N, C-alpha and C. Protein backbone atom coordinates (compact mmCIF):
# COMPACT_ATOMS: atom_id res chain seq x y z
N UNK A 1 214.43 120.73 -22.76
CA UNK A 1 213.78 121.69 -22.46
C UNK A 1 212.52 121.97 -23.21
N UNK A 2 210.69 121.93 -22.45
CA UNK A 2 210.30 121.92 -22.80
C UNK A 2 209.05 123.18 -22.58
N UNK A 3 208.21 123.58 -23.94
CA UNK A 3 207.92 125.08 -23.93
C UNK A 3 206.23 125.00 -24.11
N UNK A 4 205.37 125.70 -23.33
CA UNK A 4 204.03 125.71 -23.95
C UNK A 4 203.84 127.42 -24.22
N UNK A 5 202.96 127.54 -25.05
CA UNK A 5 202.50 128.73 -25.31
C UNK A 5 200.91 128.81 -25.52
N UNK A 6 200.13 129.73 -24.95
CA UNK A 6 198.94 129.75 -25.15
C UNK A 6 198.38 131.21 -26.09
N UNK A 7 199.02 131.43 -26.87
CA UNK A 7 198.52 132.61 -27.29
C UNK A 7 197.00 133.33 -27.06
N UNK A 8 196.01 132.10 -27.51
CA UNK A 8 194.68 132.44 -27.50
C UNK A 8 194.13 131.35 -26.78
N UNK A 9 192.90 131.51 -25.88
CA UNK A 9 192.33 130.53 -25.91
C UNK A 9 192.30 128.99 -26.68
N UNK A 10 191.98 129.28 -27.81
CA UNK A 10 191.90 128.00 -28.89
C UNK A 10 193.02 127.99 -29.31
N UNK A 11 194.39 128.01 -29.49
CA UNK A 11 195.36 127.66 -29.65
C UNK A 11 196.50 127.39 -28.69
N UNK A 12 196.96 126.30 -29.14
CA UNK A 12 197.76 125.72 -28.14
C UNK A 12 198.85 125.30 -28.91
N UNK A 13 200.60 125.61 -28.48
CA UNK A 13 201.56 125.58 -29.14
C UNK A 13 202.75 124.97 -28.01
N UNK A 14 203.17 123.67 -28.61
CA UNK A 14 204.39 123.38 -27.67
C UNK A 14 205.44 122.86 -28.61
N UNK A 15 206.62 122.85 -27.82
CA UNK A 15 207.75 122.11 -28.15
C UNK A 15 208.95 121.52 -27.05
N UNK A 16 209.49 120.81 -27.54
CA UNK A 16 210.26 119.80 -27.03
C UNK A 16 211.33 119.49 -27.91
N UNK A 17 212.32 120.31 -26.95
CA UNK A 17 213.89 119.60 -27.75
C UNK A 17 214.43 119.08 -26.71
N UNK A 18 215.63 118.32 -27.23
CA UNK A 18 216.75 117.33 -26.98
C UNK A 18 217.72 117.24 -27.87
N UNK A 19 219.45 117.03 -26.53
CA UNK A 19 220.46 116.99 -27.57
C UNK A 19 220.95 115.96 -26.60
N UNK A 20 221.44 114.92 -26.98
CA UNK A 20 222.31 114.06 -26.68
C UNK A 20 223.72 113.64 -26.98
N UNK A 21 224.73 113.87 -26.20
CA UNK A 21 226.14 113.57 -27.08
C UNK A 21 226.59 111.83 -26.02
N UNK A 22 226.71 111.15 -26.89
CA UNK A 22 227.20 109.92 -26.41
C UNK A 22 228.81 109.56 -26.60
N UNK A 23 229.75 109.47 -25.80
CA UNK A 23 231.09 108.74 -26.47
C UNK A 23 231.16 107.50 -25.32
N UNK A 24 231.32 106.47 -26.06
CA UNK A 24 231.32 105.11 -25.72
C UNK A 24 232.74 104.48 -26.43
N UNK A 25 233.86 103.83 -25.46
CA UNK A 25 235.12 103.39 -25.54
C UNK A 25 235.14 101.82 -25.88
N UNK A 26 233.87 101.49 -25.66
CA UNK A 26 233.58 99.92 -26.10
C UNK A 26 232.44 99.60 -26.82
N UNK A 27 231.81 100.76 -27.95
CA UNK A 27 230.93 99.97 -28.86
C UNK A 27 230.89 98.89 -29.70
N UNK A 28 230.44 97.87 -29.37
CA UNK A 28 230.27 96.85 -30.44
C UNK A 28 230.20 97.28 -31.59
N UNK A 29 230.86 96.86 -32.45
CA UNK A 29 230.95 97.08 -34.18
C UNK A 29 230.18 95.97 -34.83
N UNK A 30 231.16 94.94 -34.69
CA UNK A 30 230.78 93.92 -35.88
C UNK A 30 231.46 92.08 -35.62
N UNK A 31 230.68 91.29 -35.46
CA UNK A 31 231.65 90.20 -35.95
C UNK A 31 232.54 89.66 -36.91
N UNK A 32 233.60 89.55 -37.00
CA UNK A 32 234.23 89.03 -38.29
C UNK A 32 234.44 87.62 -38.26
N UNK A 33 234.31 86.72 -39.13
CA UNK A 33 234.46 85.26 -39.39
C UNK A 33 235.07 84.99 -40.44
N UNK A 34 236.30 84.29 -40.36
CA UNK A 34 236.95 83.66 -41.51
C UNK A 34 237.84 82.47 -40.84
N UNK A 35 237.57 81.50 -41.97
CA UNK A 35 238.65 80.21 -41.67
C UNK A 35 238.14 79.57 -40.18
N UNK A 36 237.10 79.62 -39.85
CA UNK A 36 236.72 79.06 -38.30
C UNK A 36 237.32 79.98 -37.69
N UNK A 37 237.98 81.30 -37.75
CA UNK A 37 238.56 81.95 -36.59
C UNK A 37 237.32 83.35 -36.50
N UNK A 38 236.71 83.63 -35.36
CA UNK A 38 236.35 84.75 -35.41
C UNK A 38 236.24 85.57 -34.22
N UNK A 39 236.44 87.07 -34.82
CA UNK A 39 236.83 88.41 -34.29
C UNK A 39 235.74 89.09 -33.76
N UNK A 40 235.59 89.15 -32.68
CA UNK A 40 234.53 90.75 -31.86
C UNK A 40 235.15 92.08 -31.90
N UNK A 41 234.52 92.67 -33.05
CA UNK A 41 235.55 94.36 -33.06
C UNK A 41 234.79 95.08 -32.38
N UNK A 42 235.27 96.13 -31.33
CA UNK A 42 234.41 97.57 -30.70
C UNK A 42 235.42 98.63 -31.16
N UNK A 43 234.93 99.71 -30.94
CA UNK A 43 235.34 100.58 -31.29
C UNK A 43 235.09 102.11 -30.34
N UNK A 44 235.55 103.02 -30.45
CA UNK A 44 235.11 104.31 -29.92
C UNK A 44 233.91 105.08 -30.58
N UNK A 45 233.06 105.78 -30.13
CA UNK A 45 231.84 106.21 -30.74
C UNK A 45 232.12 107.33 -29.99
N UNK A 46 231.53 108.09 -31.09
CA UNK A 46 231.37 109.90 -30.75
C UNK A 46 229.97 109.91 -31.37
N UNK A 47 228.51 109.67 -30.25
CA UNK A 47 227.39 109.79 -31.40
C UNK A 47 226.81 111.33 -30.57
N UNK A 48 226.14 111.93 -31.57
CA UNK A 48 225.51 113.06 -31.48
C UNK A 48 224.07 112.68 -32.24
N UNK A 49 222.77 113.01 -30.54
CA UNK A 49 221.43 112.82 -31.53
C UNK A 49 220.85 113.99 -31.32
N UNK A 50 220.12 114.98 -31.85
CA UNK A 50 219.37 115.98 -31.52
C UNK A 50 217.94 115.99 -31.99
N UNK A 51 216.97 116.48 -31.17
CA UNK A 51 215.79 115.77 -32.05
C UNK A 51 214.79 117.09 -31.23
N UNK A 52 213.95 117.51 -31.76
CA UNK A 52 212.76 118.33 -31.76
C UNK A 52 211.04 117.50 -31.79
N UNK A 53 210.35 118.07 -30.90
CA UNK A 53 208.77 117.43 -31.21
C UNK A 53 208.16 118.85 -31.10
N UNK A 54 207.27 119.09 -32.22
CA UNK A 54 206.33 120.42 -32.22
C UNK A 54 205.15 120.08 -32.28
N UNK A 55 203.94 120.59 -31.31
CA UNK A 55 202.87 120.25 -31.64
C UNK A 55 202.04 121.68 -31.53
N UNK A 56 201.08 121.67 -32.14
CA UNK A 56 200.07 122.71 -32.68
C UNK A 56 198.90 122.47 -32.51
N UNK A 57 197.69 122.84 -31.96
CA UNK A 57 196.32 122.44 -31.94
C UNK A 57 195.79 123.68 -31.87
N UNK A 58 194.77 123.62 -32.67
CA UNK A 58 193.51 124.62 -32.76
C UNK A 58 192.32 124.06 -32.31
N UNK A 59 191.45 124.62 -31.43
CA UNK A 59 190.38 124.45 -30.73
C UNK A 59 189.26 125.35 -31.80
N UNK A 60 188.70 124.82 -32.52
CA UNK A 60 187.59 125.20 -33.16
C UNK A 60 186.63 125.94 -32.62
N UNK A 61 185.98 124.75 -31.80
CA UNK A 61 184.85 125.00 -30.65
C UNK A 61 184.73 123.14 -30.03
N UNK A 62 184.20 123.03 -29.26
CA UNK A 62 184.62 121.79 -28.19
C UNK A 62 184.14 120.53 -28.91
N UNK A 63 183.53 120.72 -30.40
CA UNK A 63 183.55 119.35 -30.43
C UNK A 63 184.38 119.12 -31.94
N UNK A 64 185.23 120.57 -32.47
CA UNK A 64 185.83 120.53 -33.65
C UNK A 64 187.38 121.10 -33.18
N UNK A 65 188.56 119.83 -33.54
CA UNK A 65 189.77 120.52 -33.36
C UNK A 65 190.87 119.95 -34.11
N UNK A 66 191.70 120.84 -34.65
CA UNK A 66 192.84 120.16 -35.86
C UNK A 66 194.32 120.13 -35.04
N UNK A 67 194.80 119.14 -34.96
CA UNK A 67 195.84 119.18 -34.41
C UNK A 67 197.10 118.35 -35.40
N UNK A 68 198.47 119.26 -35.02
CA UNK A 68 199.58 119.01 -36.11
C UNK A 68 200.77 118.65 -35.08
N UNK A 69 201.57 117.66 -35.52
CA UNK A 69 202.30 117.53 -35.11
C UNK A 69 203.94 116.97 -35.71
N UNK A 70 205.11 117.59 -35.39
CA UNK A 70 205.94 117.69 -36.27
C UNK A 70 207.37 117.27 -35.21
N UNK A 71 207.92 115.93 -36.11
CA UNK A 71 208.97 115.88 -35.26
C UNK A 71 210.55 115.44 -36.18
N UNK A 72 211.40 116.36 -36.60
CA UNK A 72 212.48 116.07 -36.73
C UNK A 72 213.79 115.43 -35.65
N UNK A 73 214.71 114.71 -36.61
CA UNK A 73 215.50 113.41 -35.71
C UNK A 73 216.70 113.17 -36.48
N UNK A 74 217.73 113.54 -35.42
CA UNK A 74 218.94 113.02 -36.33
C UNK A 74 219.95 112.34 -35.57
N UNK A 75 220.96 111.37 -35.60
CA UNK A 75 221.89 110.53 -35.21
C UNK A 75 222.50 110.34 -36.06
N UNK A 76 224.04 110.88 -35.39
CA UNK A 76 225.24 110.52 -36.68
C UNK A 76 226.27 110.38 -35.50
N UNK A 77 227.01 109.00 -35.52
CA UNK A 77 228.00 108.65 -35.37
C UNK A 77 229.38 108.31 -35.86
N UNK A 78 230.70 108.97 -35.34
CA UNK A 78 231.91 108.54 -36.05
C UNK A 78 232.49 107.35 -35.03
N UNK A 79 233.23 106.57 -35.91
CA UNK A 79 233.72 105.65 -34.98
C UNK A 79 235.28 105.66 -35.05
N UNK A 80 236.15 105.29 -34.17
CA UNK A 80 237.45 105.20 -34.52
C UNK A 80 238.04 104.34 -33.31
N UNK A 81 239.33 103.96 -33.30
CA UNK A 81 239.88 103.41 -32.00
C UNK A 81 239.77 101.69 -32.30
N UNK A 82 239.89 100.96 -33.03
CA UNK A 82 239.39 99.69 -33.30
C UNK A 82 239.66 98.73 -32.35
N UNK A 83 239.38 97.59 -31.44
CA UNK A 83 239.87 96.91 -30.53
C UNK A 83 239.44 95.64 -31.11
N UNK A 84 240.48 94.65 -30.69
CA UNK A 84 239.53 93.19 -30.48
C UNK A 84 239.42 92.87 -29.50
N UNK A 85 238.38 92.17 -29.40
CA UNK A 85 238.06 91.91 -28.13
C UNK A 85 238.78 90.51 -27.54
N UNK A 86 239.69 90.36 -26.63
CA UNK A 86 240.89 89.32 -26.44
C UNK A 86 240.23 88.38 -25.59
N UNK A 87 240.41 89.18 -24.46
CA UNK A 87 239.84 88.29 -22.76
C UNK A 87 238.79 88.65 -22.69
N UNK A 88 237.60 88.82 -22.89
CA UNK A 88 236.60 88.99 -22.21
C UNK A 88 235.89 89.24 -21.14
N UNK A 89 236.76 88.14 -20.49
CA UNK A 89 236.45 87.90 -18.65
C UNK A 89 237.42 88.73 -17.67
N UNK A 90 238.65 89.34 -18.22
CA UNK A 90 239.44 89.98 -17.51
C UNK A 90 238.87 91.16 -16.50
N UNK A 91 239.16 91.24 -15.81
CA UNK A 91 238.93 92.93 -15.26
C UNK A 91 239.22 94.11 -15.25
N UNK A 92 240.65 93.90 -15.90
CA UNK A 92 240.83 95.17 -16.93
C UNK A 92 240.62 95.24 -17.83
N UNK A 93 240.56 96.51 -18.53
CA UNK A 93 240.23 97.12 -19.78
C UNK A 93 241.47 96.64 -20.13
N UNK A 94 242.36 96.79 -19.90
CA UNK A 94 244.06 96.70 -20.85
C UNK A 94 243.66 95.55 -21.05
N UNK A 95 243.62 94.65 -20.00
CA UNK A 95 243.43 93.08 -20.48
C UNK A 95 242.49 92.82 -21.49
N UNK A 96 241.43 92.97 -21.59
CA UNK A 96 240.21 93.01 -22.10
C UNK A 96 240.61 92.87 -23.34
N UNK A 97 240.69 93.89 -23.74
CA UNK A 97 240.93 94.47 -25.62
C UNK A 97 242.27 94.68 -26.01
N UNK A 98 242.46 94.71 -27.21
CA UNK A 98 244.06 94.74 -27.62
C UNK A 98 243.50 95.81 -29.11
N UNK A 99 244.59 96.50 -29.12
CA UNK A 99 243.94 97.46 -30.10
C UNK A 99 244.78 96.92 -31.27
N UNK A 100 243.95 97.41 -32.80
CA UNK A 100 244.68 97.05 -33.76
C UNK A 100 244.85 98.13 -34.50
N UNK A 101 245.89 97.46 -35.74
CA UNK A 101 246.47 98.45 -36.25
C UNK A 101 245.57 98.58 -37.70
N UNK A 102 244.83 99.46 -38.15
CA UNK A 102 243.78 99.48 -38.59
C UNK A 102 243.81 100.56 -39.47
N UNK A 103 243.58 100.49 -41.07
CA UNK A 103 243.79 100.97 -42.28
C UNK A 103 242.73 101.11 -42.85
N UNK A 104 242.48 102.73 -43.13
CA UNK A 104 241.02 103.04 -44.04
C UNK A 104 241.56 102.78 -45.52
N UNK A 105 240.88 102.33 -45.93
CA UNK A 105 240.31 102.18 -47.61
C UNK A 105 239.44 102.88 -48.01
N UNK A 106 239.53 104.35 -48.51
CA UNK A 106 238.79 105.27 -48.89
C UNK A 106 237.69 104.71 -49.96
N UNK A 107 238.39 104.37 -50.79
CA UNK A 107 237.66 103.83 -52.00
C UNK A 107 236.85 102.94 -52.27
N UNK A 108 237.00 102.38 -51.01
CA UNK A 108 235.54 101.14 -50.45
C UNK A 108 234.82 101.38 -49.35
N UNK A 109 235.18 102.51 -48.47
CA UNK A 109 234.35 103.00 -47.35
C UNK A 109 234.84 102.00 -46.40
N UNK A 110 235.79 101.29 -46.15
CA UNK A 110 236.30 100.07 -45.23
C UNK A 110 237.25 99.94 -44.30
N UNK A 111 237.34 99.17 -43.54
CA UNK A 111 238.65 99.18 -42.72
C UNK A 111 239.42 98.06 -43.28
N UNK A 112 240.72 97.75 -42.96
CA UNK A 112 241.50 96.41 -42.87
C UNK A 112 242.96 96.47 -41.90
N UNK A 113 242.69 95.13 -41.57
CA UNK A 113 243.73 95.13 -40.34
C UNK A 113 244.21 93.43 -40.86
N UNK A 114 245.94 93.17 -40.16
CA UNK A 114 246.01 91.69 -40.21
C UNK A 114 246.27 91.40 -38.87
N UNK A 115 245.97 89.88 -38.56
CA UNK A 115 245.87 89.45 -37.71
C UNK A 115 245.97 87.73 -37.46
N UNK A 116 247.21 87.52 -37.16
CA UNK A 116 247.23 85.57 -36.84
C UNK A 116 247.62 85.75 -38.15
N UNK A 117 248.13 86.56 -39.24
CA UNK A 117 248.56 86.03 -40.73
C UNK A 117 247.32 86.12 -41.57
N UNK A 118 246.42 86.59 -40.91
CA UNK A 118 245.10 86.95 -41.91
C UNK A 118 244.61 88.09 -41.84
N UNK A 119 244.34 88.72 -43.08
CA UNK A 119 243.85 89.68 -43.53
C UNK A 119 242.45 89.92 -43.70
N UNK A 120 241.85 91.05 -42.50
CA UNK A 120 240.82 90.97 -42.23
C UNK A 120 239.99 92.66 -42.68
N UNK A 121 238.65 92.64 -43.32
CA UNK A 121 238.53 94.03 -43.88
C UNK A 121 237.14 93.91 -43.08
N UNK A 122 236.62 95.29 -43.09
CA UNK A 122 235.16 95.19 -42.64
C UNK A 122 234.39 96.67 -43.23
N UNK A 123 233.55 97.14 -43.03
CA UNK A 123 232.65 98.27 -43.71
C UNK A 123 232.62 99.26 -42.49
N UNK A 124 232.87 100.48 -43.36
CA UNK A 124 233.27 101.48 -42.18
C UNK A 124 231.80 101.55 -41.70
N UNK A 125 231.77 101.95 -40.19
CA UNK A 125 230.70 101.55 -39.47
C UNK A 125 229.63 103.23 -39.10
N UNK A 126 230.41 104.33 -39.42
CA UNK A 126 230.57 105.35 -39.40
C UNK A 126 228.62 105.74 -40.05
N UNK A 127 227.66 106.36 -39.59
CA UNK A 127 226.44 106.48 -40.16
C UNK A 127 226.16 108.14 -39.86
N UNK A 128 224.96 108.58 -40.73
CA UNK A 128 224.28 109.22 -40.55
C UNK A 128 222.79 109.77 -40.87
N UNK A 129 221.76 109.43 -39.69
CA UNK A 129 220.79 109.20 -39.86
C UNK A 129 219.74 110.26 -39.83
N UNK A 130 218.96 110.42 -40.26
CA UNK A 130 217.72 111.57 -40.42
C UNK A 130 216.33 111.08 -40.80
N UNK A 131 215.48 111.73 -40.01
CA UNK A 131 213.98 111.76 -39.93
C UNK A 131 213.14 112.51 -39.55
N UNK A 132 212.06 112.52 -40.47
CA UNK A 132 210.94 113.67 -40.13
C UNK A 132 209.99 112.95 -40.07
N UNK A 133 209.20 113.27 -38.88
CA UNK A 133 207.53 112.43 -38.82
C UNK A 133 206.73 113.33 -38.33
N UNK A 134 205.32 113.60 -39.30
CA UNK A 134 204.81 114.55 -38.50
C UNK A 134 202.99 114.21 -39.08
N UNK A 135 202.25 114.49 -38.45
CA UNK A 135 200.91 114.09 -38.71
C UNK A 135 199.76 114.97 -38.72
N UNK A 136 198.82 115.45 -39.26
CA UNK A 136 197.54 116.54 -39.06
C UNK A 136 196.27 115.60 -38.88
N UNK A 137 195.53 115.85 -37.66
CA UNK A 137 194.32 114.97 -37.13
C UNK A 137 193.53 116.35 -37.06
N UNK A 138 191.96 115.99 -37.80
CA UNK A 138 190.84 116.28 -37.75
C UNK A 138 190.26 115.61 -36.95
N UNK A 139 189.60 116.42 -35.50
CA UNK A 139 188.73 115.56 -34.85
C UNK A 139 187.47 116.20 -35.05
N UNK A 140 186.10 115.59 -35.10
CA UNK A 140 184.98 115.99 -34.70
C UNK A 140 183.79 115.05 -34.19
N UNK A 141 183.15 115.91 -33.18
CA UNK A 141 182.61 115.02 -32.37
C UNK A 141 181.15 115.42 -32.68
N UNK A 142 180.75 114.27 -33.31
CA UNK A 142 179.34 114.97 -33.91
C UNK A 142 178.33 114.55 -33.25
N UNK A 143 178.39 113.71 -32.00
CA UNK A 143 177.35 113.18 -31.77
C UNK A 143 178.09 113.28 -30.15
N UNK A 144 177.61 113.16 -28.85
CA UNK A 144 178.62 112.71 -27.86
C UNK A 144 178.55 111.39 -27.81
N UNK A 145 179.80 111.27 -27.02
CA UNK A 145 180.54 109.90 -27.33
C UNK A 145 180.75 109.42 -28.68
N UNK A 146 180.74 109.80 -29.73
CA UNK A 146 180.71 109.66 -31.25
C UNK A 146 181.86 110.81 -31.70
N UNK A 147 182.73 110.43 -32.09
CA UNK A 147 184.01 110.67 -32.64
C UNK A 147 184.19 110.55 -33.99
N UNK A 148 184.47 111.63 -35.28
CA UNK A 148 185.08 111.15 -36.54
C UNK A 148 186.64 111.67 -36.59
N UNK A 149 187.39 110.86 -36.92
CA UNK A 149 189.05 111.56 -36.91
C UNK A 149 189.26 111.11 -38.39
N UNK A 150 189.83 112.05 -38.71
CA UNK A 150 190.75 112.22 -40.29
C UNK A 150 192.01 112.76 -39.84
N UNK A 151 193.04 111.60 -40.30
CA UNK A 151 194.30 111.46 -39.92
C UNK A 151 194.95 111.59 -41.51
N UNK A 152 196.14 112.53 -41.59
CA UNK A 152 196.94 112.92 -42.47
C UNK A 152 198.43 112.16 -41.52
N UNK A 153 199.28 111.29 -42.26
CA UNK A 153 200.69 111.18 -41.29
C UNK A 153 201.87 110.95 -42.77
N UNK A 154 203.04 111.53 -42.25
CA UNK A 154 204.14 111.33 -43.24
C UNK A 154 205.22 111.24 -42.51
N UNK A 155 206.14 110.39 -43.20
CA UNK A 155 207.36 110.06 -42.74
C UNK A 155 208.61 110.03 -43.71
N UNK A 156 209.66 110.72 -43.43
CA UNK A 156 210.87 110.81 -44.72
C UNK A 156 212.09 110.50 -43.95
N UNK A 157 212.47 109.47 -44.24
CA UNK A 157 214.25 109.44 -43.24
C UNK A 157 215.15 108.74 -44.47
N UNK A 158 216.38 108.94 -44.00
CA UNK A 158 217.53 108.80 -45.03
C UNK A 158 218.33 108.30 -43.99
N UNK A 159 219.39 107.02 -44.51
CA UNK A 159 220.31 106.63 -44.13
C UNK A 159 221.56 106.20 -44.58
N UNK A 160 223.03 107.12 -43.88
CA UNK A 160 224.04 106.60 -44.96
C UNK A 160 225.28 106.11 -44.30
N UNK A 161 225.92 106.00 -44.79
CA UNK A 161 226.90 104.66 -43.85
C UNK A 161 228.15 105.56 -44.00
N UNK A 162 228.25 106.77 -43.68
CA UNK A 162 229.21 107.71 -43.92
C UNK A 162 228.73 108.82 -42.41
N UNK A 163 229.89 109.31 -41.67
CA UNK A 163 229.72 110.17 -40.94
C UNK A 163 229.67 111.55 -41.75
N UNK A 164 228.62 112.17 -41.28
CA UNK A 164 228.28 114.06 -41.72
C UNK A 164 228.13 114.54 -40.46
N UNK A 165 228.45 115.72 -40.39
CA UNK A 165 228.02 116.53 -39.08
C UNK A 165 226.40 116.62 -39.07
N UNK A 166 225.58 117.00 -37.83
CA UNK A 166 224.41 117.47 -38.00
C UNK A 166 223.96 118.67 -39.37
N UNK A 167 225.25 119.22 -38.59
CA UNK A 167 224.73 120.63 -39.70
C UNK A 167 224.94 120.44 -41.07
N UNK A 168 225.60 119.26 -41.32
CA UNK A 168 225.39 119.41 -43.00
C UNK A 168 224.44 118.64 -43.17
N UNK A 169 223.67 117.84 -42.28
CA UNK A 169 222.77 117.24 -43.27
C UNK A 169 221.06 117.44 -42.76
N UNK A 170 220.83 118.06 -41.87
CA UNK A 170 219.93 119.19 -41.60
C UNK A 170 219.12 120.17 -42.84
N UNK A 171 219.40 120.08 -43.70
CA UNK A 171 219.39 120.72 -44.64
C UNK A 171 218.60 120.07 -45.63
N UNK A 172 219.19 118.86 -46.02
CA UNK A 172 218.81 117.42 -46.39
C UNK A 172 217.78 116.97 -46.52
N UNK A 173 217.42 117.20 -45.09
CA UNK A 173 216.28 116.18 -44.29
C UNK A 173 214.67 116.33 -45.48
N UNK A 174 214.50 117.82 -45.78
CA UNK A 174 213.21 117.93 -46.82
C UNK A 174 213.31 117.63 -48.16
N UNK A 175 214.86 117.31 -48.67
CA UNK A 175 215.16 116.85 -49.83
C UNK A 175 214.67 115.36 -49.62
N UNK A 176 214.84 114.35 -49.06
CA UNK A 176 214.29 112.80 -49.27
C UNK A 176 213.16 112.65 -49.26
N UNK A 177 212.98 111.60 -50.02
CA UNK A 177 211.63 111.31 -50.57
C UNK A 177 210.63 110.96 -49.18
N UNK A 178 209.61 110.70 -49.08
CA UNK A 178 208.97 110.56 -48.24
C UNK A 178 207.84 109.45 -48.20
N UNK A 179 206.98 109.04 -47.10
CA UNK A 179 206.19 107.73 -46.95
C UNK A 179 204.84 108.51 -47.02
C-alpha cells in the first residue's frame, strides 16, 4: 500500500508498506558431506517479511530542498519437516524426498539424524534479520545546471541464527549498532 500526502505545497510525505508471507515445502537448507557421502537437505520454511519505506521532502524554494528517506525491513524464517533429497528426477514429490527423523539439540542450537549408519548434524537454519536504512539529502542548485548535494547515510542491521517473531525484534532494531 502506498500513501502520499501534500499538507502544503512545500512538503511531500509518502509511505509504502508491504508484507510477505512465504511458505515453501522444499526450501534448500544445506549440503552435508561426510565419508565421501553427500546429503542434500530441504525443509519447510515459514517466512515473514514486512517492510516500510518513508520519505519526507521539504522544498524551501526551487533551488533548496531537504529530503529524508527511512526504511525498516524485517525477515524471519522458521524451518521444520526436514527431508533428504532421495531421487531428484522423480515426477512424484513423495518419491523425490525422504522424511528424516530429526532431533533438536537446544544446547548447541543444531539438529541431528542417523542415516545409513552415520550420525549427521547441522546448524539450526532458522533466522531473524532486521535492518534500517536511512539518508538525509540537502540539495542546493547554486547556479542553473550546477547542484551541490550534502548526504548523510545510515545503516544498521542485525542477523540472528534463531527464529524470533517479528513483533519481538521490532523494538531491538534501534538498539543495534549502525554504520
